[in-house]
Amino acid sequence: MSYLIPSYSLKIEDENLEELRRDLWNNDPVPADLMAEGVTYDIDLAYRGSYTRKFRKRSYRIEFINPKVFSGGREIHLNAEYRDPSLIRNKLSFDFFHDLGVLSPQSQHINLSRNGSHKGVYLQLESVDEFFLKKRGLPRGPIFYAVNNNANFSLLRDEKVKDSLLSGYQRAFGIQSDNDFLQEFINKINTIPLSDFPDEISRYINIDSFLRWLAGAVCSMNNDGFTHNYALYRNSGTGLFEIIPWDYDGTWGRKISGGIMQYNYIPIDGKKSNHLCYLLMRVPEFRILYRNILEEILETKFTVDYMENKIVDLHDALRPHILLDPYKRNTIDLFDSEPDFICQFIRDRNNYLKNQLLNF
């Protein structure tokens, strides 16, 4: 089935647009209207992201007020993908994680206009919240976003004791008392003797899901995703935390700046700055499980044979719209070279990881 790129129209009063622009770092929304799929929605609109707010093409967070639900959710994110010359790395990553059996947001490219002015191609991202759980038939449970590099599962950051075990996290769904679950989890990571670690930690986190996430992050090589850019969901049915990827534009061989990241930059076992990854890889049974998961992925899903059609289909569907994007049309030659670039990265990264497995 062909990949369709729908068009959304944003209408915002001049005074509200001026208020939005006045302070790029203000997270307070302004009212606006969004026309999508033949329906006009009253929305609250705000900028999203950190360093990306300085770019000419900015990203947005949208909350639906009336009607309250859009595409099965209350909130969406529209990412400009400004530094990704392919505009597909985020979507490619989330679809890849889904294929690995890891919870991940749905995504869809769209065309956006604002007050009649065409703003180009955006990536619509599903918000990770209670609606995310409902769509998947999952039990309600608290969700925490890792909002900065303090979310490293450690008591320390840069060899200094953190002010709080919850430093680096922001609760996106749940109640105040749910913070206790996350605090206990992080405390246990840092206090369980290594001899007891396999049995004890398995009471707090879905090990298989976490190791599949680790394999996905290692394959796609998200340097920014080990202590940041993920969410934690505690499944109230199992009592176990699961990890959900978020913001994967700096992947598949490119940095978040858009520059080239060499295929051997991220080690096979992830980054030791993620203390949970470090400890899991010190446990022989978890290391073997991770090895088996990674071996299977390298043979079946992280291959050019498996990924090339997905890459080319996304590229071909986007190309006519990139030619009309005022921020991207002048770099169409770079856009056209990206499928080959990503496929070559997969070849190189796959070979590198297979060689590393020989002594893992």
Protein backbone atom coordinates (compact mmCIF):
# COMPACT_ATOMS: atom_id res chain seq x y z
CA MET A 1 0.00 0.00 0.00
CA SER A 2 1.37 3.44 -0.93
CA TYR A 3 2.48 5.83 1.80
CA LEU A 4 0.18 8.86 1.66
CA ILE A 5 1.22 12.31 2.91
CA PRO A 6 -1.88 14.18 4.17
CA SER A 7 -2.06 17.97 4.45
CA TYR A 8 -2.86 19.87 7.67
CA SER A 9 -3.70 23.56 7.86
CA LEU A 10 -2.86 25.61 10.95
CA LYS A 11 -4.63 28.91 11.60
CA ILE A 12 -3.40 31.18 14.36
CA GLU A 13 -4.29 34.79 15.14
CA ASP A 14 -1.48 37.30 14.63
CA GLU A 15 -1.32 38.27 18.30
CA ASN A 16 -1.11 34.63 19.36
CA LEU A 17 1.61 33.93 16.81
CA GLU A 18 3.54 36.93 18.11
CA GLU A 19 3.18 35.64 21.67
CA LEU A 20 4.45 32.23 20.57
CA ARG A 21 7.48 33.78 18.90
CA ARG A 22 8.24 36.18 21.75
CA ASP A 23 9.90 33.52 23.93
CA LEU A 24 11.10 30.36 22.18
CA TRP A 25 11.63 28.60 25.50
CA ASN A 26 8.16 29.23 26.89
CA ASN A 27 6.19 25.97 27.02
CA ASP A 28 2.85 27.68 27.62
CA PRO A 29 0.57 27.10 24.63
CA VAL A 30 -1.46 29.58 22.63
CA PRO A 31 -4.88 28.91 21.04
CA ALA A 32 -5.13 28.00 17.36
CA ASP A 33 -7.18 25.97 14.89
CA LEU A 34 -6.01 22.89 13.02
CA MET A 35 -7.78 21.60 9.93
CA ALA A 36 -7.03 17.92 9.37
CA GLU A 37 -8.87 15.10 7.65
CA GLY A 38 -11.83 17.37 6.93
CA VAL A 39 -12.35 18.45 10.55
CA THR A 40 -11.45 21.73 12.26
CA TYR A 41 -10.07 21.33 15.77
CA ASP A 42 -9.63 23.92 18.49
CA ILE A 43 -6.10 23.31 19.76
CA ASP A 44 -3.44 24.55 22.13
CA LEU A 45 -0.14 25.04 20.30
CA ALA A 46 3.39 25.30 21.69
CA TYR A 47 6.94 24.85 20.47
CA ARG A 48 8.65 21.58 21.37
CA GLY A 49 12.23 20.35 21.56
CA SER A 50 15.36 21.85 23.06
CA TYR A 51 18.11 23.03 20.69
CA THR A 52 15.71 22.61 17.74
CA ARG A 53 13.74 25.70 18.80
CA LYS A 54 16.51 27.86 17.36
CA PHE A 55 16.04 26.48 13.85
CA ARG A 56 14.16 28.33 11.11
CA LYS A 57 11.72 25.44 10.82
CA ARG A 58 10.38 24.77 14.31
CA SER A 59 8.61 21.79 15.82
CA TYR A 60 5.25 21.89 17.61
CA ARG A 61 3.30 20.19 20.37
CA ILE A 62 -0.46 20.17 19.82
CA GLU A 63 -3.15 19.41 22.38
CA PHE A 64 -6.69 18.94 21.11
CA ILE A 65 -9.36 20.92 22.97
CA ASN A 66 -12.52 20.53 20.85
CA PRO A 67 -13.00 17.87 19.64
CA LYS A 68 -10.76 16.45 22.38
CA VAL A 69 -9.49 13.42 20.49
CA PHE A 70 -7.63 13.21 17.17
CA SER A 71 -6.42 9.94 15.65
CA GLY A 72 -7.16 8.16 18.92
CA GLY A 73 -5.11 10.56 21.05
CA ARG A 74 -5.30 13.87 22.88
CA GLU A 75 -1.89 15.18 21.85
CA ILE A 76 0.48 14.95 18.89
CA HIS A 77 3.94 16.27 18.11
CA LEU A 78 4.89 17.75 14.74
CA ASN A 79 8.63 17.39 14.24
CA ALA A 80 10.38 19.54 11.64
CA GLU A 81 13.24 16.99 11.28
CA TYR A 82 15.27 20.03 10.25
CA ARG A 83 18.77 18.57 10.59
CA ASP A 84 17.97 15.15 9.11
CA PRO A 85 18.63 15.43 5.36
CA SER A 86 16.47 12.36 4.72
CA LEU A 87 13.54 13.35 6.98
CA ILE A 88 12.93 9.63 7.55
CA ARG A 89 15.32 8.62 10.34
CA ASN A 90 12.83 9.06 13.19
CA LYS A 91 10.09 7.12 11.42
CA LEU A 92 12.52 4.48 10.19
CA SER A 93 13.70 4.00 13.78
CA PHE A 94 10.26 3.73 15.36
CA ASP A 95 9.11 1.27 12.70
CA PHE A 96 12.32 -0.71 13.25
CA PHE A 97 11.74 -0.88 17.02
CA HIS A 98 8.15 -1.99 16.42
CA ASP A 99 9.46 -4.82 14.24
CA LEU A 100 11.81 -5.82 17.09
CA GLY A 101 8.88 -6.12 19.51
CA VAL A 102 9.62 -2.89 21.41
CA LEU A 103 6.84 -0.44 22.31
CA SER A 104 7.28 2.62 20.08
CA PRO A 105 5.24 5.63 18.92
CA GLN A 106 3.36 5.61 15.64
CA SER A 107 4.52 8.21 13.13
CA GLN A 108 3.27 9.74 9.90
CA HIS A 109 4.67 12.41 7.59
CA ILE A 110 2.35 15.31 6.80
CA ASN A 111 2.39 18.60 4.90
CA LEU A 112 1.78 21.66 7.06
CA SER A 113 0.59 25.14 6.17
CA ARG A 114 0.20 28.03 8.62
CA ASN A 115 -2.13 30.92 7.86
CA GLY A 116 -2.05 29.96 4.20
CA SER A 117 1.76 29.79 4.00
CA HIS A 118 3.28 26.39 3.16
CA LYS A 119 5.71 25.23 5.86
CA GLY A 120 6.72 21.92 4.34
CA VAL A 121 6.98 18.31 5.48
CA TYR A 122 6.68 17.41 9.16
CA LEU A 123 6.66 14.11 11.02
CA GLN A 124 3.59 13.61 13.18
CA LEU A 125 4.45 11.63 16.32
CA GLU A 126 2.06 9.90 18.65
CA SER A 127 2.35 11.10 22.24
CA VAL A 128 3.38 8.48 24.80
CA ASP A 129 0.55 8.80 27.33
CA GLU A 130 -2.59 7.01 28.52
CA PHE A 131 -4.00 7.03 24.97
CA PHE A 132 -0.82 5.32 23.76
CA LEU A 133 -1.55 2.53 26.23
CA LYS A 134 -5.25 2.35 25.38
CA LYS A 135 -4.57 1.96 21.64
CA ARG A 136 -2.42 -1.08 22.38
CA GLY A 137 -4.73 -2.65 24.95
CA LEU A 138 -2.13 -2.19 27.69
CA PRO A 139 -2.94 -1.73 31.39
CA ARG A 140 -2.82 1.82 32.70
CA GLY A 141 0.40 2.64 34.43
CA PRO A 142 2.71 5.58 35.05
CA ILE A 143 4.83 6.95 32.20
CA PHE A 144 8.01 8.94 32.73
CA TYR A 145 9.94 10.85 30.07
CA ALA A 146 13.73 10.97 30.29
CA VAL A 147 14.15 14.70 29.71
CA ASN A 148 17.89 15.12 30.24
CA ASN A 149 21.09 13.16 30.78
CA ASN A 150 20.44 12.73 34.51
CA ALA A 151 18.17 9.86 33.41
CA ASN A 152 21.15 7.48 33.43
CA PHE A 153 19.83 4.96 36.03
CA SER A 154 22.65 5.96 38.36
CA LEU A 155 23.05 7.83 41.63
CA LEU A 156 25.74 9.93 39.96
CA ARG A 157 26.19 12.24 36.98
CA ASP A 158 29.71 13.28 36.03
CA GLU A 159 30.92 11.68 39.28
CA LYS A 160 28.70 13.94 41.37
CA VAL A 161 25.79 12.72 43.49
CA LYS A 162 22.48 13.79 41.99
CA ASP A 163 20.03 15.83 44.04
CA SER A 164 17.27 13.29 43.49
CA LEU A 165 16.85 9.75 42.20
CA LEU A 166 14.13 11.15 39.94
CA SER A 167 16.43 13.79 38.50
CA GLY A 168 16.20 13.66 34.72
CA TYR A 169 12.62 12.36 34.62
CA GLN A 170 9.26 14.02 34.10
CA ARG A 171 6.05 12.13 34.82
CA ALA A 172 3.81 12.29 31.73
CA PHE A 173 1.03 10.13 33.13
CA GLY A 174 0.11 8.87 36.58
CA ILE A 175 -0.13 10.31 40.08
CA GLN A 176 2.37 11.61 42.60
CA SER A 177 2.63 8.30 44.44
CA ASP A 178 3.72 6.60 41.18
CA ASN A 179 7.04 8.39 41.57
CA ASP A 180 7.77 5.91 44.36
CA PHE A 181 7.89 3.04 41.85
CA LEU A 182 10.56 4.76 39.76
CA GLN A 183 12.52 5.85 42.82
CA GLU A 184 12.55 2.29 44.18
CA PHE A 185 13.60 0.93 40.79
CA ILE A 186 16.57 3.28 40.47
CA ASN A 187 17.55 2.67 44.08
CA LYS A 188 17.52 -1.09 43.52
CA ILE A 189 19.67 -0.80 40.39
CA ASN A 190 22.34 0.91 42.47
CA THR A 191 22.18 -1.16 45.67
CA ILE A 192 21.55 -4.80 44.67
CA PRO A 193 24.72 -6.91 45.02
CA LEU A 194 25.80 -8.20 41.61
CA SER A 195 25.35 -11.79 42.82
CA ASP A 196 21.65 -11.10 43.44
CA PHE A 197 21.18 -8.77 40.50
CA PRO A 198 19.63 -11.22 37.97
CA ASP A 199 16.80 -12.33 40.25
CA GLU A 200 16.16 -8.98 41.88
CA ILE A 201 16.23 -6.73 38.82
CA SER A 202 13.88 -9.07 36.93
CA ARG A 203 11.20 -8.07 39.45
CA TYR A 204 11.38 -4.47 38.26
CA ILE A 205 11.97 -4.45 34.49
CA ASN A 206 10.96 -6.47 31.45
CA ILE A 207 14.42 -7.80 30.62
CA ASP A 208 13.62 -9.12 27.14
CA SER A 209 12.01 -5.83 26.09
CA PHE A 210 14.89 -3.79 27.50
CA LEU A 211 17.52 -5.88 25.71
CA ARG A 212 15.60 -5.61 22.45
CA TRP A 213 15.52 -1.84 22.92
CA LEU A 214 19.27 -1.92 23.59
CA ALA A 215 19.86 -3.92 20.41
CA GLY A 216 17.72 -1.46 18.42
CA ALA A 217 19.56 1.55 19.85
CA VAL A 218 22.92 -0.10 19.15
CA CYS A 219 22.02 -1.03 15.57
CA SER A 220 20.51 2.34 14.63
CA MET A 221 23.31 3.98 16.66
CA ASN A 222 21.51 6.64 18.65
CA ASN A 223 24.31 8.32 20.56
CA ASP A 224 21.79 10.57 22.29
CA GLY A 225 19.37 7.86 23.37
CA PHE A 226 21.02 6.00 26.26
CA THR A 227 20.64 8.60 29.00
CA HIS A 228 18.00 10.75 27.32
CA ASN A 229 15.24 10.49 24.71
CA TYR A 230 13.31 7.54 26.04
CA ALA A 231 10.23 6.94 28.16
CA LEU A 232 9.59 4.43 30.95
CA TYR A 233 6.18 2.79 31.34
CA ARG A 234 5.32 0.66 34.36
CA ASN A 235 2.87 -2.03 33.32
CA SER A 236 0.44 -2.28 36.24
CA GLY A 237 -0.44 -5.84 35.21
CA THR A 238 3.09 -7.21 35.43
CA GLY A 239 4.56 -4.58 37.76
CA LEU A 240 7.51 -4.27 35.31
CA PHE A 241 8.98 -1.21 33.64
CA GLU A 242 9.32 -1.13 29.85
CA ILE A 243 11.40 1.33 27.86
CA ILE A 244 10.05 3.26 24.85
CA PRO A 245 12.30 5.08 22.31
CA TRP A 246 11.81 8.78 21.59
CA ASP A 247 13.51 11.31 19.26
CA TYR A 248 15.60 9.11 16.96
CA ASP A 249 16.52 11.61 14.26
CA GLY A 250 20.27 11.41 15.02
CA THR A 251 20.63 7.81 13.85
CA TRP A 252 21.44 5.60 10.84
CA GLY A 253 24.88 7.14 10.42
CA ARG A 254 24.17 10.79 11.17
CA LYS A 255 24.57 12.90 14.30
CA ILE A 256 21.80 15.11 15.65
CA SER A 257 23.62 17.97 13.88
CA GLY A 258 23.20 16.14 10.57
CA GLY A 259 26.92 15.38 10.30
CA ILE A 260 28.31 11.91 9.64
CA MET A 261 28.73 9.50 12.56
CA GLN A 262 31.15 6.68 11.81
CA TYR A 263 29.61 3.19 11.87
CA ASN A 264 31.81 2.06 14.78
CA TYR A 265 31.08 4.99 17.08
CA ILE A 266 28.72 3.23 19.51
CA PRO A 267 30.04 0.05 21.21
CA ILE A 268 28.20 -3.24 20.76
CA ASP A 269 26.96 -3.17 24.37
CA GLY A 270 25.75 0.44 24.29
CA LYS A 271 27.11 3.31 26.34
CA LYS A 272 28.36 2.66 29.84
CA SER A 273 26.96 6.04 30.90
CA ASN A 274 23.64 4.15 31.06
CA HIS A 275 24.26 2.39 34.38
CA LEU A 276 21.54 -0.19 33.86
CA CYS A 277 23.01 -1.26 30.51
CA TYR A 278 26.44 -1.48 32.14
CA LEU A 279 25.20 -3.71 34.96
CA LEU A 280 23.09 -5.97 32.74
CA MET A 281 26.09 -6.63 30.51
CA ARG A 282 28.09 -7.77 33.58
CA VAL A 283 25.60 -10.58 34.20
CA PRO A 284 26.48 -13.65 32.06
CA GLU A 285 22.89 -14.81 31.51
CA PHE A 286 21.75 -11.35 30.39
CA ARG A 287 24.82 -10.94 28.20
CA ILE A 288 24.07 -14.25 26.48
CA LEU A 289 20.42 -13.29 26.00
CA TYR A 290 21.46 -9.96 24.50
CA ARG A 291 23.94 -11.70 22.22
CA ASN A 292 21.24 -14.07 20.97
CA ILE A 293 18.80 -11.22 20.36
CA LEU A 294 21.41 -9.18 18.52
CA GLU A 295 22.56 -12.12 16.41
CA GLU A 296 19.01 -12.75 15.25
CA ILE A 297 18.43 -9.07 14.42
CA LEU A 298 21.68 -8.86 12.44
CA GLU A 299 20.60 -11.83 10.34
CA THR A 300 16.96 -10.89 9.83
CA LYS A 301 16.01 -7.23 10.33
CA PHE A 302 19.10 -5.03 10.48
CA THR A 303 20.02 -5.87 6.90
CA VAL A 304 19.83 -4.06 3.59
CA ASP A 305 17.56 -6.82 2.26
CA TYR A 306 15.02 -6.12 5.01
CA MET A 307 15.35 -2.33 5.21
CA GLU A 308 15.98 -1.15 1.64
CA ASN A 309 12.40 -1.24 0.39
CA LYS A 310 11.22 0.59 3.52
CA ILE A 311 13.85 3.28 2.97
CA VAL A 312 13.18 3.68 -0.75
CA ASP A 313 9.39 3.69 -0.32
CA LEU A 314 9.58 6.47 2.27
CA HIS A 315 12.02 8.45 0.14
CA ASP A 316 9.96 8.12 -3.03
CA ALA A 317 6.74 9.10 -1.25
CA LEU A 318 8.35 12.20 0.30
CA ARG A 319 10.30 13.43 -2.72
CA PRO A 320 7.50 15.38 -4.49
CA HIS A 321 6.69 17.10 -1.20
CA ILE A 322 10.34 17.90 -0.43
CA LEU A 323 10.47 19.78 -3.76
CA LEU A 324 7.78 22.09 -2.35
CA ASP A 325 9.25 22.40 1.15
CA PRO A 326 10.67 25.95 1.49
CA TYR A 327 13.27 24.73 3.99
CA LYS A 328 14.41 21.59 2.14
CA ARG A 329 13.92 21.97 -1.60
CA ASN A 330 17.34 23.57 -2.10
CA THR A 331 19.03 20.46 -0.68
CA ILE A 332 17.21 17.95 -2.90
CA ASP A 333 20.50 16.47 -4.13
CA LEU A 334 21.47 15.59 -0.57
CA PHE A 335 17.99 14.18 0.05
CA ASP A 336 18.34 12.02 -3.06
CA SER A 337 21.66 10.59 -1.86
CA GLU A 338 20.30 9.54 1.54
CA PRO A 339 18.85 6.09 0.66
CA ASP A 340 22.27 4.93 -0.54
CA PHE A 341 23.91 6.56 2.49
CA ILE A 342 21.60 4.76 4.94
CA CYS A 343 21.94 1.41 3.16
CA GLN A 344 25.74 1.70 3.21
CA PHE A 345 25.60 2.51 6.91
CA ILE A 346 23.54 -0.64 7.53
CA ARG A 347 26.11 -2.76 5.64
CA ASP A 348 29.04 -1.25 7.53
CA ARG A 349 27.35 -1.32 10.93
CA ASN A 350 26.11 -4.87 10.45
CA ASN A 351 29.60 -6.10 9.53
CA TYR A 352 31.14 -4.22 12.46
CA LEU A 353 28.67 -5.68 14.98
CA LYS A 354 29.08 -9.22 13.63
CA ASN A 355 32.85 -8.90 14.01
CA GLN A 356 32.41 -7.60 17.56
CA LEU A 357 30.19 -10.58 18.39
CA LEU A 358 33.11 -12.95 17.72
CA ASN A 359 34.70 -11.88 21.01
CA PHE A 360 31.60 -10.78 22.90
